[in-house]
Protein backbone atom coordinates (compact mmCIF):
# COMPACT_ATOMS: atom_id res chain seq x y z
CA UNK A 1 59.51 -37.43 15.33
CA UNK A 2 63.22 -36.87 14.60
CA UNK A 3 64.30 -35.31 11.34
CA UNK A 4 64.42 -37.63 8.35
CA UNK A 5 67.99 -38.00 7.05
CA UNK A 6 68.87 -40.23 4.08
CA UNK A 7 72.38 -41.12 2.94
CA UNK A 8 73.66 -43.10 -0.04
CA UNK A 9 73.18 -46.82 0.41
CA UNK A 10 76.57 -48.51 -0.12
CA UNK A 11 75.13 -51.82 -1.30
CA UNK A 12 72.82 -50.09 -3.79
CA UNK A 13 75.76 -48.08 -5.11
CA UNK A 14 77.80 -51.28 -5.52
CA UNK A 15 74.92 -52.80 -7.51
CA UNK A 16 74.75 -49.68 -9.67
CA UNK A 17 78.50 -49.77 -10.35
CA UNK A 18 78.46 -53.50 -11.15
CA UNK A 19 75.45 -53.14 -13.43
CA UNK A 20 77.10 -50.23 -15.21
CA UNK A 21 80.28 -52.25 -15.68
CA UNK A 22 78.31 -55.08 -17.30
CA UNK A 23 76.80 -52.66 -19.83
CA UNK A 24 80.18 -51.05 -20.53
CA UNK A 25 81.61 -54.52 -21.28
CA UNK A 26 78.64 -55.25 -23.56
CA UNK A 27 79.29 -51.94 -25.31
CA UNK A 28 82.94 -52.87 -25.78
CA UNK A 29 81.87 -56.21 -27.26
CA UNK A 30 79.52 -54.40 -29.64
CA UNK A 31 82.31 -52.16 -30.98
CA UNK A 32 84.55 -55.17 -31.51
CA UNK A 33 87.00 -54.73 -28.64
CA UNK A 34 87.04 -58.50 -27.99
CA UNK A 35 87.12 -59.73 -31.59
CA UNK A 36 84.72 -59.49 -34.47
CA UNK A 37 81.81 -57.09 -34.16
CA UNK A 38 78.36 -58.65 -33.88
CA UNK A 39 76.44 -58.35 -37.13
CA UNK A 40 73.17 -59.80 -38.30
CA UNK A 41 71.24 -59.58 -41.54
CA UNK A 42 68.89 -57.20 -39.77
CA UNK A 43 71.45 -54.84 -38.22
CA UNK A 44 74.78 -53.88 -39.83
CA UNK A 45 77.97 -53.49 -37.80
CA UNK A 46 77.60 -49.69 -37.87
CA UNK A 47 74.39 -49.94 -35.82
CA UNK A 48 76.07 -52.26 -33.30
CA UNK A 49 78.99 -49.84 -33.12
CA UNK A 50 76.73 -46.83 -32.46
CA UNK A 51 74.81 -48.70 -29.76
CA UNK A 52 78.08 -49.92 -28.25
CA UNK A 53 79.58 -46.43 -28.01
CA UNK A 54 76.35 -45.04 -26.54
CA UNK A 55 76.37 -47.84 -23.96
CA UNK A 56 80.02 -47.24 -23.07
CA UNK A 57 79.50 -43.49 -22.63
CA UNK A 58 76.19 -43.58 -20.76
CA UNK A 59 76.89 -46.50 -18.46
CA UNK A 60 80.49 -45.43 -17.98
CA UNK A 61 79.22 -42.10 -16.62
CA UNK A 62 76.64 -43.90 -14.47
CA UNK A 63 79.39 -46.09 -13.04
CA UNK A 64 81.58 -43.07 -12.26
CA UNK A 65 78.70 -41.33 -10.51
CA UNK A 66 77.99 -44.52 -8.56
CA UNK A 67 81.65 -44.82 -7.52
CA UNK A 68 81.71 -41.22 -6.34
CA UNK A 69 78.49 -41.70 -4.37
CA UNK A 70 79.75 -44.99 -2.93
CA UNK A 71 82.36 -43.10 -0.94
CA UNK A 72 80.18 -40.08 -0.12
CA UNK A 73 78.97 -40.39 3.46
CA UNK A 74 77.15 -37.05 3.53
CA UNK A 75 73.43 -36.47 3.60
CA UNK A 76 71.44 -36.93 0.42
CA UNK A 77 68.12 -35.73 1.79
CA UNK A 78 66.89 -34.04 4.96
CA UNK A 79 63.27 -33.48 5.86
CA UNK A 80 62.70 -31.48 9.03
CA UNK A 81 60.90 -28.55 10.60
CA UNK A 82 62.60 -26.00 8.31
CA UNK A 83 61.76 -27.79 5.05
CA UNK A 84 63.27 -30.24 2.56
CA UNK A 85 66.86 -30.36 1.38
CA UNK A 86 67.88 -32.74 -1.41
CA UNK A 87 71.53 -32.33 -2.37
CA UNK A 88 71.04 -33.74 -5.87
CA UNK A 89 68.71 -30.81 -6.56
CA UNK A 90 70.17 -27.91 -4.60
CA UNK A 91 72.36 -27.04 -1.64
CA UNK A 92 69.63 -24.93 -0.09
CA UNK A 93 66.68 -26.08 1.99
CA UNK A 94 63.29 -25.46 0.43
CA UNK A 95 61.18 -24.03 3.28
CA UNK A 96 57.70 -25.38 3.91
CA UNK A 97 56.30 -21.90 3.18
CA UNK A 98 57.53 -22.28 -0.43
CA UNK A 99 56.08 -25.76 -0.93
CA UNK A 100 52.55 -25.38 -2.23
CA UNK A 101 51.82 -29.10 -2.14
CA UNK A 102 53.46 -32.52 -2.30
CA UNK A 103 52.30 -35.34 -4.54
CA UNK A 104 53.57 -38.76 -5.55
CA UNK A 105 54.40 -40.07 -9.00
CA UNK A 106 55.19 -43.62 -9.99
CA UNK A 107 56.57 -45.19 -13.14
CA UNK A 108 57.30 -48.92 -13.40
CA UNK A 109 57.60 -49.32 -9.65
CA UNK A 110 59.92 -46.31 -9.21
CA UNK A 111 58.18 -43.94 -6.82
CA UNK A 112 59.00 -40.24 -6.64
CA UNK A 113 57.99 -37.43 -4.32
CA UNK A 114 56.96 -34.36 -6.30
CA UNK A 115 57.26 -30.89 -4.82
CA UNK A 116 55.03 -28.18 -6.27
CA UNK A 117 56.67 -24.86 -5.41
CA UNK A 118 55.14 -21.40 -5.08
CA UNK A 119 58.14 -19.78 -6.80
CA UNK A 120 60.20 -22.44 -8.60
CA UNK A 121 62.73 -19.88 -9.88
CA UNK A 122 63.90 -19.31 -6.29
CA UNK A 123 65.15 -22.92 -6.11
CA UNK A 124 66.91 -23.77 -9.37
CA UNK A 125 68.25 -27.26 -9.78
CA UNK A 126 71.92 -28.05 -10.20
CA UNK A 127 73.74 -30.61 -12.29
CA UNK A 128 71.83 -33.28 -14.17
CA UNK A 129 68.71 -32.78 -12.04
CA UNK A 130 68.60 -29.12 -13.02
CA UNK A 131 69.12 -29.93 -16.70
CA UNK A 132 66.27 -32.45 -16.65
CA UNK A 133 63.91 -30.19 -14.67
CA UNK A 134 61.80 -29.15 -17.65
CA UNK A 135 61.35 -32.74 -18.84
CA UNK A 136 60.58 -33.84 -15.28
CA UNK A 137 57.99 -31.07 -14.98
CA UNK A 138 56.34 -32.29 -18.18
CA UNK A 139 56.19 -35.88 -16.89
CA UNK A 140 55.22 -35.31 -13.28
CA UNK A 141 53.50 -31.93 -13.30
CA UNK A 142 55.66 -30.74 -10.40
CA UNK A 143 58.79 -28.68 -9.91
CA UNK A 144 61.15 -30.99 -8.01
CA UNK A 145 61.11 -34.79 -8.19
CA UNK A 146 62.78 -36.47 -5.19
CA UNK A 147 63.63 -40.13 -4.96
CA UNK A 148 64.99 -42.31 -2.17
CA UNK A 149 65.91 -45.17 -4.52
CA UNK A 150 69.69 -45.06 -3.96
CA UNK A 151 69.52 -44.18 -0.28
CA UNK A 152 69.39 -46.05 3.00
CA UNK A 153 65.82 -44.87 3.69
CA UNK A 154 62.47 -45.69 2.10
CA UNK A 155 59.93 -43.69 0.14
CA UNK A 156 57.30 -44.39 2.81
CA UNK A 157 59.58 -43.07 5.58
CA UNK A 158 60.13 -39.87 3.59
CA UNK A 159 56.39 -39.43 3.01
CA UNK A 160 55.71 -39.94 6.73
CA UNK A 161 58.28 -37.26 7.58
CA UNK A 162 56.72 -34.90 5.06
CA UNK A 163 53.26 -35.48 6.53
CA UNK A 164 54.64 -34.86 10.01
CA UNK A 165 56.72 -31.73 9.35
CA UNK A 166 54.56 -30.07 6.68
CA UNK A 167 51.59 -29.96 9.03
CA UNK A 168 53.44 -27.94 11.70
């Protein structure tokens, strides 16, 4: 079996950027950028404004990340005889000898591959993945949560590669 290599999926990144843009526009509407702010008897304009700004900031960042990844042709994930490398987690490959076990976790149809490491401190996460590591550990029970959702490869293909290479 050849090594498993996953790259960003351009069409999925376009969908992410377009979806983010829709929510940014909704946020702008909620802060009154297109006229009067929405207000109901149940929610005052200040609530709509707070939700609007949160939407603009969060989905604006998501859109920027999606745009950057749209033009990134490099590898996102590699699973091979030396181990697993996921660039959103770390630039280093986690060797099979450091992976105690691999499990799966699913939430609302989103499937993740969970790595349980012998010495997690040896492979600290970077960026947002690193910042969310503790919360992820609490949810999934593992050390590194991998996903193929925005790539050109499937979860099942990644699991097959793990089964193949981890057993060697």
